[in-house]
Amino acid sequence: MTSTTDPSTDRAGHADPADPADDTAEVLPWYHSTLNLLSTFVAVAVLAAGIGWVVGNNRALPDPNDTDIGFLQDMRVHHEQAVQMALIYLRADDRDPNLSTIAREILVGQNIEIGRFIQLLRSFGASEVNETDIAMTWMDESVPLDRMPGMATEDDLRALADADGGAADELFVTLMTAHHQGGVHMAEHAVDHAATDEVRLMAGQIARVQLEEITELARLLELSRA
């Protein structure tokens, strides 16, 4: 009589440890896998190379001057209010959909730039905020931080929060246009006086984008009135 042999057992009747059906098979720790170790080594090497590039690149940067630091600190405050105004407007009822789109673009774009300001200030070893109540000393001016060019007052923000429909559209465009004009004034000064390429390039981009948005805000407001 011919016996039937289970393929999952050896001649001694022991279970094959490689058989996936065997629930008792040992699961080895991740670090016993050559593939896992190789993947980890590659990841660490890439991370180390990236850190080395950043450190080396930062060491090659020219030292920032008062304009670099002051612009980043003060423009952070300026941008934070633009984000606040966009959020307030986006809560209004019956607001214009096209103006709502540009408000969202301002909200996202300026939040991203705020993150970049903080990153650069950290790389410069400077405070992430203006620790005084005085702004624009880097422009040879001296104004309270909340009165930088284009900054809305608390009354302006309350009025925007209370407005709906066409009134909200009009006030949002008016306040954001003035705000952008003040930001352009500060950015153009930084383009001419900052010491680092990073700050000069960023300031130039801010000035360009905000001038374009001023034009777009006016165009969209006219469409909303039609």
N, C-alpha and C. Protein backbone atom coordinates (compact mmCIF):
# COMPACT_ATOMS: atom_id res chain seq x y z
N MET A 1 0.86 -1.21 0.00
CA MET A 1 0.00 0.00 0.00
C MET A 1 0.88 1.23 0.00
N THR A 2 0.58 2.14 -0.90
CA THR A 2 1.41 3.36 -1.03
C THR A 2 0.91 4.42 -0.08
N SER A 3 1.82 4.98 0.76
CA SER A 3 1.41 6.02 1.71
C SER A 3 1.44 7.38 1.03
N THR A 4 0.60 8.25 1.53
CA THR A 4 0.55 9.62 1.00
C THR A 4 1.36 10.54 1.90
N THR A 5 2.27 11.26 1.33
CA THR A 5 3.14 12.13 2.13
C THR A 5 2.66 13.57 2.02
N ASP A 6 2.49 14.19 3.16
CA ASP A 6 2.10 15.62 3.20
C ASP A 6 3.29 16.44 2.74
N PRO A 7 3.15 17.27 1.67
CA PRO A 7 4.31 18.06 1.16
C PRO A 7 4.80 19.09 2.15
N SER A 8 3.98 19.38 3.19
CA SER A 8 4.43 20.40 4.14
C SER A 8 5.25 19.81 5.26
N THR A 9 5.48 18.46 5.21
CA THR A 9 6.29 17.82 6.26
C THR A 9 7.46 17.11 5.63
N ASP A 10 8.50 16.92 6.44
CA ASP A 10 9.65 16.18 5.95
C ASP A 10 9.44 14.69 6.21
N ARG A 11 10.44 13.89 5.92
CA ARG A 11 10.29 12.44 6.06
C ARG A 11 10.08 12.03 7.51
N ALA A 12 10.53 12.85 8.42
CA ALA A 12 10.35 12.53 9.83
C ALA A 12 9.02 13.01 10.35
N GLY A 13 8.25 13.63 9.45
CA GLY A 13 6.94 14.11 9.86
C GLY A 13 6.94 15.47 10.51
N HIS A 14 8.08 16.21 10.44
CA HIS A 14 8.16 17.54 11.02
C HIS A 14 7.67 18.58 10.03
N ALA A 15 7.06 19.62 10.56
CA ALA A 15 6.55 20.69 9.69
C ALA A 15 7.69 21.45 9.06
N ASP A 16 7.51 21.83 7.80
CA ASP A 16 8.50 22.66 7.09
C ASP A 16 8.43 24.07 7.64
N PRO A 17 9.50 24.62 8.22
CA PRO A 17 9.47 25.98 8.79
C PRO A 17 9.24 27.05 7.76
N ALA A 18 9.44 26.76 6.48
CA ALA A 18 9.21 27.77 5.44
C ALA A 18 7.78 27.74 4.95
N ASP A 19 6.98 26.76 5.43
CA ASP A 19 5.60 26.64 4.95
C ASP A 19 4.76 27.77 5.50
N PRO A 20 4.16 28.64 4.62
CA PRO A 20 3.37 29.77 5.10
C PRO A 20 2.14 29.32 5.86
N ALA A 21 1.74 28.06 5.68
CA ALA A 21 0.54 27.59 6.37
C ALA A 21 0.83 27.26 7.82
N ASP A 22 2.12 27.19 8.17
CA ASP A 22 2.48 26.84 9.53
C ASP A 22 2.43 28.07 10.41
N ASP A 23 1.50 28.15 11.31
CA ASP A 23 1.31 29.33 12.16
C ASP A 23 2.42 29.49 13.18
N THR A 24 3.23 28.47 13.33
CA THR A 24 4.27 28.54 14.36
C THR A 24 5.60 29.04 13.82
N ALA A 25 5.63 29.40 12.50
CA ALA A 25 6.88 29.86 11.89
C ALA A 25 7.36 31.12 12.60
N GLU A 26 8.64 31.20 12.84
CA GLU A 26 9.23 32.34 13.54
C GLU A 26 9.33 33.56 12.64
N VAL A 27 8.92 34.72 13.18
CA VAL A 27 9.04 35.98 12.44
C VAL A 27 10.27 36.70 12.96
N LEU A 28 11.24 36.90 12.10
CA LEU A 28 12.50 37.51 12.52
C LEU A 28 12.35 39.02 12.68
N PRO A 29 13.12 39.63 13.60
CA PRO A 29 13.10 41.09 13.73
C PRO A 29 13.51 41.75 12.43
N TRP A 30 13.05 43.00 12.24
CA TRP A 30 13.32 43.70 10.98
C TRP A 30 14.80 43.82 10.69
N TYR A 31 15.62 43.93 11.77
CA TYR A 31 17.04 44.17 11.54
C TYR A 31 17.78 42.91 11.12
N HIS A 32 17.10 41.76 11.09
CA HIS A 32 17.72 40.55 10.57
C HIS A 32 17.57 40.44 9.06
N SER A 33 16.83 41.40 8.48
CA SER A 33 16.62 41.38 7.03
C SER A 33 17.68 42.23 6.34
N THR A 34 18.41 41.63 5.42
CA THR A 34 19.43 42.38 4.67
C THR A 34 18.81 43.53 3.89
N LEU A 35 17.64 43.29 3.32
CA LEU A 35 16.98 44.33 2.54
C LEU A 35 16.59 45.51 3.42
N ASN A 36 16.07 45.23 4.61
CA ASN A 36 15.69 46.31 5.53
C ASN A 36 16.91 47.12 5.95
N LEU A 37 17.98 46.40 6.27
CA LEU A 37 19.20 47.10 6.69
C LEU A 37 19.75 47.97 5.57
N LEU A 38 19.73 47.45 4.34
CA LEU A 38 20.22 48.22 3.21
C LEU A 38 19.37 49.46 2.98
N SER A 39 18.04 49.29 3.08
CA SER A 39 17.13 50.43 2.89
C SER A 39 17.37 51.50 3.95
N THR A 40 17.56 51.06 5.21
CA THR A 40 17.82 52.01 6.29
C THR A 40 19.12 52.74 6.08
N PHE A 41 20.15 52.01 5.66
CA PHE A 41 21.46 52.64 5.41
C PHE A 41 21.36 53.70 4.33
N VAL A 42 20.65 53.38 3.25
CA VAL A 42 20.48 54.35 2.16
C VAL A 42 19.73 55.58 2.64
N ALA A 43 18.66 55.38 3.42
CA ALA A 43 17.89 56.50 3.91
C ALA A 43 18.72 57.41 4.81
N VAL A 44 19.51 56.80 5.70
CA VAL A 44 20.37 57.59 6.60
C VAL A 44 21.43 58.34 5.80
N ALA A 45 22.00 57.69 4.80
CA ALA A 45 23.02 58.33 3.98
C ALA A 45 22.47 59.53 3.23
N VAL A 46 21.25 59.36 2.69
CA VAL A 46 20.62 60.48 1.97
C VAL A 46 20.34 61.63 2.91
N LEU A 47 19.82 61.30 4.12
CA LEU A 47 19.53 62.35 5.10
C LEU A 47 20.80 63.07 5.52
N ALA A 48 21.87 62.32 5.77
CA ALA A 48 23.13 62.94 6.17
C ALA A 48 23.68 63.83 5.07
N ALA A 49 23.57 63.37 3.84
CA ALA A 49 24.05 64.18 2.72
C ALA A 49 23.26 65.47 2.61
N GLY A 50 21.93 65.36 2.81
CA GLY A 50 21.10 66.55 2.74
C GLY A 50 21.45 67.54 3.82
N ILE A 51 21.65 67.04 5.06
CA ILE A 51 22.03 67.93 6.16
C ILE A 51 23.38 68.57 5.88
N GLY A 52 24.30 67.77 5.37
CA GLY A 52 25.62 68.32 5.06
C GLY A 52 25.56 69.40 4.01
N TRP A 53 24.68 69.19 3.00
CA TRP A 53 24.55 70.21 1.95
C TRP A 53 23.99 71.50 2.52
N VAL A 54 22.96 71.36 3.38
CA VAL A 54 22.35 72.56 3.97
C VAL A 54 23.34 73.31 4.83
N VAL A 55 24.05 72.56 5.69
CA VAL A 55 25.03 73.21 6.56
C VAL A 55 26.12 73.87 5.74
N GLY A 56 26.64 73.14 4.76
CA GLY A 56 27.69 73.71 3.93
C GLY A 56 27.22 74.90 3.14
N ASN A 57 25.98 74.81 2.64
CA ASN A 57 25.44 75.91 1.87
C ASN A 57 25.22 77.14 2.74
N ASN A 58 24.71 76.91 3.98
CA ASN A 58 24.49 78.03 4.88
C ASN A 58 25.80 78.71 5.27
N ARG A 59 26.87 77.91 5.40
CA ARG A 59 28.15 78.50 5.74
C ARG A 59 28.67 79.38 4.62
N ALA A 60 28.23 79.09 3.41
CA ALA A 60 28.70 79.87 2.26
C ALA A 60 27.90 81.15 2.07
N LEU A 61 26.79 81.29 2.82
CA LEU A 61 25.95 82.46 2.65
C LEU A 61 26.62 83.69 3.24
N PRO A 62 26.40 84.87 2.65
CA PRO A 62 26.88 86.09 3.29
C PRO A 62 26.10 86.35 4.56
N ASP A 63 26.71 87.05 5.49
CA ASP A 63 26.02 87.37 6.73
C ASP A 63 24.84 88.30 6.45
N PRO A 64 23.69 88.03 7.07
CA PRO A 64 22.54 88.92 6.88
C PRO A 64 22.79 90.26 7.56
N ASN A 65 22.18 91.30 7.02
CA ASN A 65 22.29 92.62 7.66
C ASN A 65 20.96 92.96 8.33
N ASP A 66 20.85 94.19 8.81
CA ASP A 66 19.64 94.61 9.52
C ASP A 66 18.40 94.52 8.62
N THR A 67 18.58 94.76 7.33
CA THR A 67 17.44 94.70 6.41
C THR A 67 16.94 93.26 6.27
N ASP A 68 17.85 92.31 6.11
CA ASP A 68 17.45 90.91 6.02
C ASP A 68 16.60 90.51 7.23
N ILE A 69 17.12 90.76 8.41
CA ILE A 69 16.44 90.35 9.64
C ILE A 69 15.15 91.14 9.85
N GLY A 70 15.25 92.45 9.73
CA GLY A 70 14.08 93.30 9.98
C GLY A 70 12.95 93.05 9.00
N PHE A 71 13.29 92.88 7.73
CA PHE A 71 12.26 92.62 6.73
C PHE A 71 11.52 91.33 7.04
N LEU A 72 12.25 90.25 7.33
CA LEU A 72 11.61 88.97 7.61
C LEU A 72 10.73 89.03 8.85
N GLN A 73 11.22 89.69 9.90
CA GLN A 73 10.43 89.79 11.13
C GLN A 73 9.17 90.64 10.93
N ASP A 74 9.34 91.79 10.31
CA ASP A 74 8.19 92.70 10.15
C ASP A 74 7.21 92.20 9.09
N MET A 75 7.74 91.62 8.02
CA MET A 75 6.83 91.12 6.99
C MET A 75 6.05 89.91 7.49
N ARG A 76 6.59 89.20 8.44
CA ARG A 76 5.81 88.11 9.05
C ARG A 76 4.55 88.68 9.69
N VAL A 77 4.68 89.75 10.45
CA VAL A 77 3.51 90.37 11.09
C VAL A 77 2.55 90.89 10.02
N HIS A 78 3.11 91.51 9.00
CA HIS A 78 2.30 92.06 7.91
C HIS A 78 1.50 90.94 7.23
N HIS A 79 2.17 89.84 6.92
CA HIS A 79 1.50 88.70 6.28
C HIS A 79 0.43 88.10 7.19
N GLU A 80 0.72 88.02 8.48
CA GLU A 80 -0.25 87.43 9.40
C GLU A 80 -1.57 88.19 9.39
N GLN A 81 -1.50 89.52 9.22
CA GLN A 81 -2.76 90.24 9.15
C GLN A 81 -3.48 90.01 7.83
N ALA A 82 -2.74 89.87 6.74
CA ALA A 82 -3.37 89.55 5.46
C ALA A 82 -4.10 88.21 5.54
N VAL A 83 -3.48 87.23 6.18
CA VAL A 83 -4.12 85.93 6.39
C VAL A 83 -5.39 86.10 7.22
N GLN A 84 -5.30 86.93 8.26
CA GLN A 84 -6.46 87.18 9.12
C GLN A 84 -7.61 87.81 8.32
N MET A 85 -7.29 88.80 7.48
CA MET A 85 -8.33 89.44 6.69
C MET A 85 -8.97 88.47 5.70
N ALA A 86 -8.16 87.62 5.11
CA ALA A 86 -8.71 86.63 4.17
C ALA A 86 -9.66 85.68 4.90
N LEU A 87 -9.28 85.25 6.09
CA LEU A 87 -10.14 84.36 6.87
C LEU A 87 -11.46 85.04 7.24
N ILE A 88 -11.38 86.30 7.65
CA ILE A 88 -12.59 87.03 8.02
C ILE A 88 -13.52 87.16 6.82
N TYR A 89 -12.95 87.53 5.68
CA TYR A 89 -13.77 87.70 4.47
C TYR A 89 -14.43 86.39 4.06
N LEU A 90 -13.70 85.29 4.18
CA LEU A 90 -14.23 83.99 3.76
C LEU A 90 -15.36 83.49 4.65
N ARG A 91 -15.60 84.16 5.77
CA ARG A 91 -16.74 83.81 6.62
C ARG A 91 -17.99 84.60 6.25
N ALA A 92 -17.84 85.60 5.38
CA ALA A 92 -18.98 86.46 5.03
C ALA A 92 -20.00 85.69 4.19
N ASP A 93 -21.25 86.05 4.36
CA ASP A 93 -22.32 85.46 3.54
C ASP A 93 -22.41 86.17 2.20
N ASP A 94 -22.81 85.43 1.17
CA ASP A 94 -23.08 85.99 -0.16
C ASP A 94 -21.88 86.73 -0.75
N ARG A 95 -20.70 86.30 -0.42
CA ARG A 95 -19.50 86.95 -0.98
C ARG A 95 -19.32 86.50 -2.43
N ASP A 96 -18.56 87.30 -3.19
CA ASP A 96 -18.32 87.00 -4.60
C ASP A 96 -17.42 85.76 -4.71
N PRO A 97 -17.79 84.78 -5.54
CA PRO A 97 -16.99 83.55 -5.65
C PRO A 97 -15.59 83.78 -6.22
N ASN A 98 -15.44 84.72 -7.14
CA ASN A 98 -14.12 84.99 -7.70
C ASN A 98 -13.20 85.66 -6.68
N LEU A 99 -13.75 86.59 -5.93
CA LEU A 99 -12.96 87.22 -4.88
C LEU A 99 -12.65 86.22 -3.77
N SER A 100 -13.56 85.28 -3.55
CA SER A 100 -13.30 84.23 -2.57
C SER A 100 -12.10 83.39 -2.98
N THR A 101 -11.97 83.15 -4.28
CA THR A 101 -10.85 82.36 -4.78
C THR A 101 -9.53 83.07 -4.53
N ILE A 102 -9.47 84.35 -4.81
CA ILE A 102 -8.21 85.07 -4.59
C ILE A 102 -7.93 85.21 -3.10
N ALA A 103 -8.98 85.29 -2.27
CA ALA A 103 -8.78 85.33 -0.82
C ALA A 103 -8.12 84.04 -0.34
N ARG A 104 -8.56 82.93 -0.89
CA ARG A 104 -7.96 81.64 -0.52
C ARG A 104 -6.51 81.56 -0.99
N GLU A 105 -6.23 82.11 -2.17
CA GLU A 105 -4.85 82.12 -2.67
C GLU A 105 -3.95 82.94 -1.76
N ILE A 106 -4.45 84.07 -1.30
CA ILE A 106 -3.68 84.90 -0.37
C ILE A 106 -3.47 84.16 0.94
N LEU A 107 -4.50 83.51 1.42
CA LEU A 107 -4.43 82.76 2.67
C LEU A 107 -3.34 81.69 2.60
N VAL A 108 -3.35 80.91 1.54
CA VAL A 108 -2.38 79.82 1.41
C VAL A 108 -0.98 80.37 1.10
N GLY A 109 -0.90 81.27 0.12
CA GLY A 109 0.40 81.78 -0.32
C GLY A 109 1.16 82.50 0.78
N GLN A 110 0.45 83.33 1.54
CA GLN A 110 1.15 84.09 2.57
C GLN A 110 1.48 83.23 3.79
N ASN A 111 0.68 82.21 4.05
CA ASN A 111 1.04 81.27 5.11
C ASN A 111 2.33 80.52 4.75
N ILE A 112 2.46 80.13 3.50
CA ILE A 112 3.68 79.46 3.06
C ILE A 112 4.89 80.38 3.22
N GLU A 113 4.72 81.65 2.83
CA GLU A 113 5.81 82.60 2.95
C GLU A 113 6.18 82.85 4.41
N ILE A 114 5.19 82.87 5.30
CA ILE A 114 5.48 83.03 6.72
C ILE A 114 6.40 81.89 7.20
N GLY A 115 6.09 80.68 6.76
CA GLY A 115 6.95 79.55 7.11
C GLY A 115 8.37 79.72 6.61
N ARG A 116 8.52 80.27 5.42
CA ARG A 116 9.85 80.52 4.86
C ARG A 116 10.57 81.62 5.64
N PHE A 117 9.84 82.66 6.06
CA PHE A 117 10.45 83.72 6.89
C PHE A 117 11.05 83.10 8.15
N ILE A 118 10.26 82.27 8.82
CA ILE A 118 10.71 81.64 10.06
C ILE A 118 11.93 80.77 9.81
N GLN A 119 11.90 80.00 8.73
CA GLN A 119 13.03 79.13 8.39
C GLN A 119 14.31 79.93 8.18
N LEU A 120 14.21 81.02 7.45
CA LEU A 120 15.39 81.85 7.20
C LEU A 120 15.89 82.51 8.47
N LEU A 121 14.98 83.02 9.30
CA LEU A 121 15.40 83.65 10.55
C LEU A 121 16.14 82.65 11.43
N ARG A 122 15.66 81.43 11.47
CA ARG A 122 16.35 80.40 12.25
C ARG A 122 17.74 80.13 11.69
N SER A 123 17.84 80.06 10.37
CA SER A 123 19.14 79.79 9.76
C SER A 123 20.11 80.94 9.99
N PHE A 124 19.58 82.15 10.18
CA PHE A 124 20.42 83.31 10.47
C PHE A 124 20.74 83.43 11.96
N GLY A 125 20.14 82.56 12.78
CA GLY A 125 20.35 82.65 14.22
C GLY A 125 19.67 83.85 14.84
N ALA A 126 18.59 84.31 14.21
CA ALA A 126 17.88 85.51 14.69
C ALA A 126 16.54 85.11 15.28
N SER A 127 15.96 86.01 16.06
CA SER A 127 14.64 85.78 16.63
C SER A 127 13.62 85.65 15.51
N GLU A 128 12.64 84.76 15.71
CA GLU A 128 11.61 84.55 14.70
C GLU A 128 10.59 85.69 14.67
N VAL A 129 10.61 86.55 15.67
CA VAL A 129 9.65 87.65 15.76
C VAL A 129 10.37 88.95 16.09
N ASN A 130 9.72 90.04 15.77
CA ASN A 130 10.18 91.35 16.21
C ASN A 130 9.82 91.47 17.68
N GLU A 131 10.81 91.48 18.55
CA GLU A 131 10.58 91.45 19.98
C GLU A 131 10.32 92.84 20.57
N THR A 132 10.22 93.83 19.72
CA THR A 132 9.89 95.18 20.17
C THR A 132 8.52 95.56 19.60
N ASP A 133 8.03 96.72 19.98
CA ASP A 133 6.79 97.23 19.42
C ASP A 133 7.04 98.19 18.26
N ILE A 134 8.31 98.30 17.87
CA ILE A 134 8.69 99.26 16.83
C ILE A 134 9.12 98.51 15.58
N ALA A 135 8.61 98.95 14.44
CA ALA A 135 8.90 98.29 13.16
C ALA A 135 9.63 99.26 12.22
N MET A 136 10.21 98.66 11.18
CA MET A 136 10.77 99.38 10.03
C MET A 136 12.02 100.21 10.36
N THR A 137 12.67 99.90 11.47
CA THR A 137 13.94 100.59 11.75
C THR A 137 14.97 100.23 10.68
N TRP A 138 14.80 99.06 10.05
CA TRP A 138 15.69 98.63 8.97
C TRP A 138 15.49 99.46 7.71
N MET A 139 14.42 100.27 7.69
CA MET A 139 14.17 101.19 6.58
C MET A 139 14.46 102.63 6.97
N ASP A 140 15.17 102.77 8.11
CA ASP A 140 15.44 104.10 8.67
C ASP A 140 14.15 104.84 8.99
N GLU A 141 13.13 104.07 9.37
CA GLU A 141 11.87 104.63 9.82
C GLU A 141 11.58 104.02 11.19
N SER A 142 10.58 104.53 11.85
CA SER A 142 10.23 104.00 13.16
C SER A 142 8.74 104.19 13.38
N VAL A 143 7.99 103.08 13.31
CA VAL A 143 6.55 103.13 13.50
C VAL A 143 6.13 101.99 14.42
N PRO A 144 5.00 102.14 15.11
CA PRO A 144 4.51 101.00 15.89
C PRO A 144 4.28 99.79 14.98
N LEU A 145 4.50 98.61 15.52
CA LEU A 145 4.41 97.39 14.73
C LEU A 145 3.06 97.25 14.03
N ASP A 146 1.99 97.67 14.71
CA ASP A 146 0.66 97.52 14.12
C ASP A 146 0.27 98.67 13.20
N ARG A 147 1.21 99.59 12.97
CA ARG A 147 0.93 100.70 12.07
C ARG A 147 1.87 100.72 10.88
N MET A 148 2.41 99.58 10.55
CA MET A 148 3.22 99.50 9.33
C MET A 148 2.35 99.86 8.13
N PRO A 149 2.95 100.24 7.01
CA PRO A 149 2.17 100.66 5.85
C PRO A 149 1.16 99.60 5.43
N GLY A 150 -0.09 100.03 5.26
CA GLY A 150 -1.14 99.15 4.79
C GLY A 150 -1.85 98.34 5.85
N MET A 151 -1.39 98.40 7.09
CA MET A 151 -2.02 97.60 8.15
C MET A 151 -3.41 98.15 8.46
N ALA A 152 -4.38 97.24 8.52
CA ALA A 152 -5.75 97.62 8.88
C ALA A 152 -5.84 97.85 10.38
N THR A 153 -6.75 98.71 10.78
CA THR A 153 -6.97 98.96 12.20
C THR A 153 -7.94 97.92 12.75
N GLU A 154 -8.07 97.90 14.07
CA GLU A 154 -9.05 97.00 14.70
C GLU A 154 -10.46 97.33 14.24
N ASP A 155 -10.75 98.63 14.08
CA ASP A 155 -12.07 99.03 13.59
C ASP A 155 -12.31 98.51 12.17
N ASP A 156 -11.25 98.56 11.33
CA ASP A 156 -11.37 98.02 9.96
C ASP A 156 -11.71 96.54 9.98
N LEU A 157 -11.03 95.79 10.84
CA LEU A 157 -11.25 94.35 10.91
C LEU A 157 -12.65 94.02 11.43
N ARG A 158 -13.12 94.81 12.40
CA ARG A 158 -14.48 94.59 12.91
C ARG A 158 -15.51 94.88 11.83
N ALA A 159 -15.28 95.96 11.07
CA ALA A 159 -16.21 96.30 9.98
C ALA A 159 -16.24 95.19 8.94
N LEU A 160 -15.09 94.62 8.62
CA LEU A 160 -15.05 93.53 7.66
C LEU A 160 -15.79 92.31 8.20
N ALA A 161 -15.63 92.04 9.48
CA ALA A 161 -16.30 90.89 10.09
C ALA A 161 -17.81 91.05 10.10
N ASP A 162 -18.28 92.30 10.15
CA ASP A 162 -19.73 92.56 10.21
C ASP A 162 -20.37 92.64 8.82
N ALA A 163 -19.56 92.72 7.78
CA ALA A 163 -20.09 92.94 6.42
C ALA A 163 -20.44 91.62 5.74
N ASP A 164 -21.40 91.70 4.83
CA ASP A 164 -21.80 90.55 4.01
C ASP A 164 -22.02 91.02 2.58
N GLY A 165 -22.09 90.07 1.67
CA GLY A 165 -22.43 90.38 0.28
C GLY A 165 -21.50 91.39 -0.35
N GLY A 166 -22.11 92.32 -1.11
CA GLY A 166 -21.33 93.32 -1.83
C GLY A 166 -20.52 94.22 -0.91
N ALA A 167 -21.04 94.51 0.27
CA ALA A 167 -20.30 95.35 1.22
C ALA A 167 -19.01 94.66 1.67
N ALA A 168 -19.09 93.35 1.89
CA ALA A 168 -17.88 92.60 2.26
C ALA A 168 -16.88 92.58 1.11
N ASP A 169 -17.38 92.41 -0.12
CA ASP A 169 -16.50 92.42 -1.29
C ASP A 169 -15.75 93.74 -1.39
N GLU A 170 -16.48 94.83 -1.29
CA GLU A 170 -15.88 96.16 -1.42
C GLU A 170 -14.84 96.40 -0.33
N LEU A 171 -15.19 96.07 0.91
CA LEU A 171 -14.28 96.36 2.01
C LEU A 171 -13.05 95.46 1.95
N PHE A 172 -13.24 94.21 1.59
CA PHE A 172 -12.11 93.31 1.48
C PHE A 172 -11.11 93.80 0.44
N VAL A 173 -11.61 94.20 -0.72
CA VAL A 173 -10.72 94.69 -1.78
C VAL A 173 -10.02 95.97 -1.35
N THR A 174 -10.75 96.87 -0.71
CA THR A 174 -10.16 98.14 -0.26
C THR A 174 -9.04 97.89 0.75
N LEU A 175 -9.33 97.06 1.75
CA LEU A 175 -8.33 96.81 2.80
C LEU A 175 -7.15 96.02 2.28
N MET A 176 -7.41 95.01 1.44
CA MET A 176 -6.31 94.18 0.95
C MET A 176 -5.45 94.94 -0.05
N THR A 177 -6.05 95.82 -0.83
CA THR A 177 -5.26 96.63 -1.77
C THR A 177 -4.30 97.53 -1.01
N ALA A 178 -4.80 98.21 0.02
CA ALA A 178 -3.93 99.07 0.83
C ALA A 178 -2.85 98.24 1.51
N HIS A 179 -3.24 97.07 1.98
CA HIS A 179 -2.29 96.18 2.66
C HIS A 179 -1.19 95.75 1.71
N HIS A 180 -1.56 95.34 0.51
CA HIS A 180 -0.56 94.94 -0.48
C HIS A 180 0.35 96.11 -0.88
N GLN A 181 -0.20 97.27 -1.03
CA GLN A 181 0.62 98.43 -1.38
C GLN A 181 1.69 98.69 -0.31
N GLY A 182 1.29 98.57 0.95
CA GLY A 182 2.27 98.71 2.03
C GLY A 182 3.32 97.61 1.99
N GLY A 183 2.90 96.38 1.69
CA GLY A 183 3.84 95.28 1.59
C GLY A 183 4.83 95.46 0.45
N VAL A 184 4.34 95.95 -0.68
CA VAL A 184 5.22 96.21 -1.82
C VAL A 184 6.27 97.26 -1.47
N HIS A 185 5.85 98.30 -0.74
CA HIS A 185 6.79 99.35 -0.32
C HIS A 185 7.93 98.75 0.50
N MET A 186 7.60 97.87 1.43
CA MET A 186 8.62 97.24 2.27
C MET A 186 9.48 96.26 1.47
N ALA A 187 8.85 95.49 0.61
CA ALA A 187 9.59 94.48 -0.16
C ALA A 187 10.57 95.14 -1.13
N GLU A 188 10.16 96.21 -1.77
CA GLU A 188 11.05 96.88 -2.72
C GLU A 188 12.28 97.43 -2.03
N HIS A 189 12.12 97.91 -0.80
CA HIS A 189 13.28 98.38 -0.04
C HIS A 189 14.23 97.21 0.25
N ALA A 190 13.65 96.06 0.60
CA ALA A 190 14.48 94.89 0.90
C ALA A 190 15.24 94.42 -0.34
N VAL A 191 14.61 94.50 -1.50
CA VAL A 191 15.29 94.12 -2.75
C VAL A 191 16.57 94.93 -2.92
N ASP A 192 16.52 96.20 -2.57
CA ASP A 192 17.65 97.09 -2.79
C ASP A 192 18.69 97.06 -1.68
N HIS A 193 18.30 96.62 -0.47
CA HIS A 193 19.19 96.79 0.67
C HIS A 193 19.55 95.51 1.43
N ALA A 194 18.88 94.40 1.17
CA ALA A 194 19.22 93.16 1.87
C ALA A 194 20.58 92.64 1.41
N ALA A 195 21.25 91.90 2.29
CA ALA A 195 22.59 91.39 1.97
C ALA A 195 22.56 90.02 1.33
N THR A 196 21.52 89.23 1.59
CA THR A 196 21.50 87.85 1.11
C THR A 196 20.64 87.70 -0.13
N ASP A 197 21.07 86.82 -0.99
CA ASP A 197 20.29 86.55 -2.21
C ASP A 197 18.91 86.02 -1.88
N GLU A 198 18.82 85.16 -0.86
CA GLU A 198 17.53 84.57 -0.51
C GLU A 198 16.49 85.62 -0.19
N VAL A 199 16.87 86.59 0.64
CA VAL A 199 15.91 87.63 1.04
C VAL A 199 15.60 88.56 -0.14
N ARG A 200 16.61 88.90 -0.92
CA ARG A 200 16.35 89.77 -2.07
C ARG A 200 15.41 89.11 -3.06
N LEU A 201 15.65 87.84 -3.34
CA LEU A 201 14.78 87.13 -4.29
C LEU A 201 13.37 87.00 -3.76
N MET A 202 13.24 86.67 -2.48
CA MET A 202 11.92 86.53 -1.89
C MET A 202 11.18 87.86 -1.88
N ALA A 203 11.88 88.92 -1.52
CA ALA A 203 11.25 90.24 -1.50
C ALA A 203 10.79 90.65 -2.90
N GLY A 204 11.61 90.36 -3.91
CA GLY A 204 11.21 90.67 -5.28
C GLY A 204 9.98 89.90 -5.70
N GLN A 205 9.91 88.65 -5.32
CA GLN A 205 8.74 87.84 -5.65
C GLN A 205 7.49 88.35 -4.94
N ILE A 206 7.63 88.72 -3.68
CA ILE A 206 6.49 89.26 -2.93
C ILE A 206 5.97 90.53 -3.59
N ALA A 207 6.88 91.43 -3.95
CA ALA A 207 6.46 92.67 -4.59
C ALA A 207 5.73 92.39 -5.90
N ARG A 208 6.27 91.50 -6.69
CA ARG A 208 5.67 91.18 -8.00
C ARG A 208 4.27 90.56 -7.84
N VAL A 209 4.17 89.59 -6.97
CA VAL A 209 2.89 88.89 -6.78
C VAL A 209 1.83 89.84 -6.22
N GLN A 210 2.22 90.66 -5.27
CA GLN A 210 1.22 91.54 -4.66
C GLN A 210 0.77 92.65 -5.62
N LEU A 211 1.65 93.11 -6.47
CA LEU A 211 1.22 94.06 -7.49
C LEU A 211 0.23 93.41 -8.46
N GLU A 212 0.50 92.16 -8.82
CA GLU A 212 -0.44 91.44 -9.70
C GLU A 212 -1.79 91.24 -9.01
N GLU A 213 -1.76 90.94 -7.73
CA GLU A 213 -3.01 90.72 -6.99
C GLU A 213 -3.81 92.01 -6.83
N ILE A 214 -3.12 93.13 -6.70
CA ILE A 214 -3.83 94.42 -6.63
C ILE A 214 -4.65 94.63 -7.91
N THR A 215 -4.02 94.37 -9.05
CA THR A 215 -4.71 94.52 -10.33
C THR A 215 -5.87 93.53 -10.44
N GLU A 216 -5.65 92.30 -10.01
CA GLU A 216 -6.68 91.27 -10.09
C GLU A 216 -7.85 91.58 -9.14
N LEU A 217 -7.56 92.07 -7.97
CA LEU A 217 -8.63 92.43 -7.03
C LEU A 217 -9.54 93.50 -7.63
N ALA A 218 -8.92 94.52 -8.24
CA ALA A 218 -9.72 95.59 -8.85
C ALA A 218 -10.58 95.05 -10.00
N ARG A 219 -10.01 94.17 -10.80
CA ARG A 219 -10.75 93.60 -11.94
C ARG A 219 -11.94 92.76 -11.45
N LEU A 220 -11.70 91.93 -10.46
CA LEU A 220 -12.76 91.06 -9.96
C LEU A 220 -13.86 91.85 -9.24
N LEU A 221 -13.48 92.93 -8.58
CA LEU A 221 -14.50 93.76 -7.94
C LEU A 221 -15.41 94.40 -8.98
N GLU A 222 -14.83 94.85 -10.08
CA GLU A 222 -15.66 95.42 -11.16
C GLU A 222 -16.60 94.38 -11.72
N LEU A 223 -16.12 93.16 -11.89
CA LEU A 223 -17.00 92.09 -12.38
C LEU A 223 -18.12 91.81 -11.40
N SER A 224 -17.82 91.87 -10.10
CA SER A 224 -18.86 91.57 -9.11
C SER A 224 -19.95 92.64 -9.10
N ARG A 225 -19.61 93.85 -9.52
CA ARG A 225 -20.57 94.96 -9.52
C ARG A 225 -21.49 94.89 -10.74
N ALA A 226 -21.03 94.22 -11.79
CA ALA A 226 -21.78 94.20 -13.06
C ALA A 226 -23.07 93.39 -12.94
